[in-house]
Amino acid sequence: LFIQRRIFAEKEDLELAATMNSIGIVAFAKEDFKIAKTFFEGSLDIRRKMLGCDHEDTETLWYNLATTNEEIGNDDDALAMYRETLRIEKQCTDGGKIDTVDTLQRLGRLYQMRGQLDEALGYYREALSALNT
C-alpha cells in the first residue's frame, strides 16, 4: 500500500482499492475489525468514485463492511449495508444466486436475532425462492 501510494502520489485507482480490500480481508481474518472496517471503507470510496454506486465491485465492499459491522455488533449498520448489497446484487449481478441467497440469509438471521420475526421470515422465504428458481 505504501509503495502504491508513492507511485500514484495519492491518486486513487482500482489497484489501490483492491490492495485496500485485501488488507481489510487480512485484518478481518485476524479479527482486527476496526482496521478491516477502515480499509473496506477506503476501498469502497474509491470504487464508488471510479465505478459508480451500482457496480459488482462496490457490492463486494458493501458486503465486506456489513459482515464487519455484524462482527462488532453494529447490527443497524450491518442491516443497512446488507440491504444495499442485496439491492446491487439484484440489479447488477449475472446469475449470482449463491451470493444473493447468502445475503438474504444473513438479513434473515439478523432480523431473527432482533426478534423481528416477520421481517426474518420474509428474507428466509425470498432466499428459499431464489434457490428454487
Protein backbone atom coordinates (compact mmCIF):
# COMPACT_ATOMS: atom_id res chain seq x y z
CA LEU A 1 0.00 0.00 0.00
CA PHE A 2 2.82 2.38 0.87
CA ILE A 3 4.53 1.69 -2.46
CA GLN A 4 1.30 2.11 -4.40
CA ARG A 5 0.62 5.41 -2.69
CA ARG A 6 4.13 6.64 -3.52
CA ILE A 7 3.88 5.54 -7.14
CA PHE A 8 0.45 7.01 -7.67
CA ALA A 9 1.13 10.07 -5.49
CA GLU A 10 -2.12 9.71 -3.57
CA LYS A 11 -4.05 9.23 -6.82
CA GLU A 12 -6.92 6.84 -6.33
CA ASP A 13 -7.22 3.92 -8.70
CA LEU A 14 -8.73 0.45 -8.78
CA GLU A 15 -5.44 -1.27 -7.95
CA LEU A 16 -5.19 0.78 -4.78
CA ALA A 17 -8.80 -0.10 -3.96
CA ALA A 18 -8.02 -3.80 -4.47
CA THR A 19 -5.00 -3.58 -2.19
CA MET A 20 -7.06 -1.85 0.48
CA ASN A 21 -9.73 -4.54 0.21
CA SER A 22 -7.07 -7.25 0.55
CA ILE A 23 -5.66 -5.60 3.67
CA GLY A 24 -9.20 -5.42 5.04
CA ILE A 25 -9.71 -9.14 4.40
CA VAL A 26 -6.48 -10.00 6.23
CA ALA A 27 -7.42 -7.75 9.15
CA PHE A 28 -10.89 -9.32 9.27
CA ALA A 29 -9.34 -12.81 9.36
CA LYS A 30 -7.16 -11.68 12.25
CA GLU A 31 -10.31 -10.33 13.95
CA ASP A 32 -9.00 -6.76 13.85
CA PHE A 33 -12.36 -5.42 12.79
CA LYS A 34 -11.56 -1.74 13.32
CA ILE A 35 -8.67 -1.93 10.82
CA ALA A 36 -10.74 -4.08 8.45
CA LYS A 37 -13.56 -1.54 8.50
CA THR A 38 -11.19 1.34 7.79
CA PHE A 39 -9.68 -0.36 4.74
CA PHE A 40 -13.03 -1.61 3.42
CA GLU A 41 -14.44 1.91 3.70
CA GLY A 42 -11.45 3.36 1.85
CA SER A 43 -11.74 0.78 -0.90
CA LEU A 44 -15.48 1.39 -1.20
CA ASP A 45 -14.97 5.15 -1.51
CA ILE A 46 -12.52 4.69 -4.38
CA ARG A 47 -14.67 2.13 -6.19
CA ARG A 48 -17.81 4.24 -5.88
CA LYS A 49 -15.96 7.23 -7.36
CA MET A 50 -14.48 5.22 -10.20
CA LEU A 51 -17.17 2.64 -10.94
CA GLY A 52 -20.36 4.21 -9.63
CA CYS A 53 -22.67 3.05 -6.89
CA ASP A 54 -24.27 0.19 -8.80
CA HIS A 55 -21.31 -1.99 -9.68
CA GLU A 56 -20.48 -5.54 -8.63
CA ASP A 57 -17.20 -4.40 -7.09
CA THR A 58 -18.98 -1.91 -4.85
CA GLU A 59 -21.42 -4.67 -3.88
CA THR A 60 -18.49 -6.74 -2.63
CA LEU A 61 -17.31 -3.90 -0.41
CA TRP A 62 -20.81 -3.29 0.97
CA TYR A 63 -20.92 -6.99 1.87
CA ASN A 64 -17.47 -6.86 3.49
CA LEU A 65 -18.50 -3.84 5.54
CA ALA A 66 -21.79 -5.47 6.50
CA THR A 67 -20.07 -8.59 7.82
CA THR A 68 -17.52 -6.45 9.68
CA ASN A 69 -20.25 -4.40 11.31
CA GLU A 70 -22.11 -7.58 12.18
CA GLU A 71 -18.99 -8.95 13.89
CA ILE A 72 -18.53 -5.84 16.02
CA GLY A 73 -22.21 -5.71 16.96
CA ASN A 74 -23.28 -2.74 14.84
CA ASP A 75 -26.45 -4.51 13.75
CA ASP A 76 -28.22 -1.40 12.44
CA ASP A 77 -25.28 -0.57 10.17
CA ALA A 78 -24.93 -4.23 9.15
CA LEU A 79 -28.61 -4.40 8.17
CA ALA A 80 -28.38 -1.24 6.10
CA MET A 81 -25.24 -2.49 4.36
CA TYR A 82 -26.69 -5.95 3.69
CA ARG A 83 -29.77 -4.27 2.18
CA GLU A 84 -27.53 -2.17 -0.08
CA THR A 85 -25.60 -5.32 -1.00
CA LEU A 86 -28.85 -7.06 -1.89
CA ARG A 87 -30.07 -4.11 -3.96
CA ILE A 88 -26.92 -4.15 -6.05
CA GLU A 89 -26.90 -7.95 -6.33
CA LYS A 90 -30.43 -7.91 -7.69
CA GLN A 91 -29.66 -5.09 -10.10
CA CYS A 92 -26.17 -5.89 -11.33
CA THR A 93 -25.08 -9.46 -10.92
CA ASP A 94 -25.39 -12.08 -13.61
CA GLY A 95 -26.51 -15.31 -12.03
CA GLY A 96 -25.01 -14.52 -8.64
CA LYS A 97 -27.70 -16.57 -7.00
CA ILE A 98 -25.47 -18.03 -4.27
CA ASP A 99 -24.31 -14.57 -3.19
CA THR A 100 -27.86 -13.27 -3.17
CA VAL A 101 -29.08 -16.24 -1.14
CA ASP A 102 -26.26 -15.70 1.35
CA THR A 103 -27.16 -12.03 1.75
CA LEU A 104 -30.84 -12.88 2.19
CA GLN A 105 -30.00 -15.46 4.85
CA ARG A 106 -27.77 -13.02 6.71
CA LEU A 107 -30.55 -10.42 6.68
CA GLY A 108 -33.00 -13.04 7.93
CA ARG A 109 -30.67 -14.13 10.72
CA LEU A 110 -30.04 -10.57 11.91
CA TYR A 111 -33.75 -9.79 11.98
CA GLN A 112 -34.41 -13.08 13.76
CA MET A 113 -31.80 -12.25 16.41
CA ARG A 114 -33.52 -8.90 16.93
CA GLY A 115 -36.87 -10.61 17.44
CA GLN A 116 -38.29 -9.15 14.23
CA LEU A 117 -39.62 -12.47 13.06
CA ASP A 118 -41.92 -11.27 10.27
CA GLU A 119 -39.01 -9.49 8.58
CA ALA A 120 -36.77 -12.52 9.14
CA LEU A 121 -39.34 -14.86 7.64
CA GLY A 122 -39.68 -12.64 4.58
CA TYR A 123 -35.95 -12.79 3.87
CA TYR A 124 -35.78 -16.54 4.53
CA ARG A 125 -38.67 -17.11 2.12
CA GLU A 126 -37.02 -14.97 -0.51
CA ALA A 127 -33.78 -16.97 -0.09
CA LEU A 128 -35.67 -20.25 -0.49
CA SER A 129 -37.45 -18.91 -3.54
CA ALA A 130 -34.13 -17.83 -5.09
CA LEU A 131 -32.74 -21.32 -4.54
CA ASN A 132 -35.72 -22.89 -6.25
CA THR A 133 -35.51 -20.77 -9.42
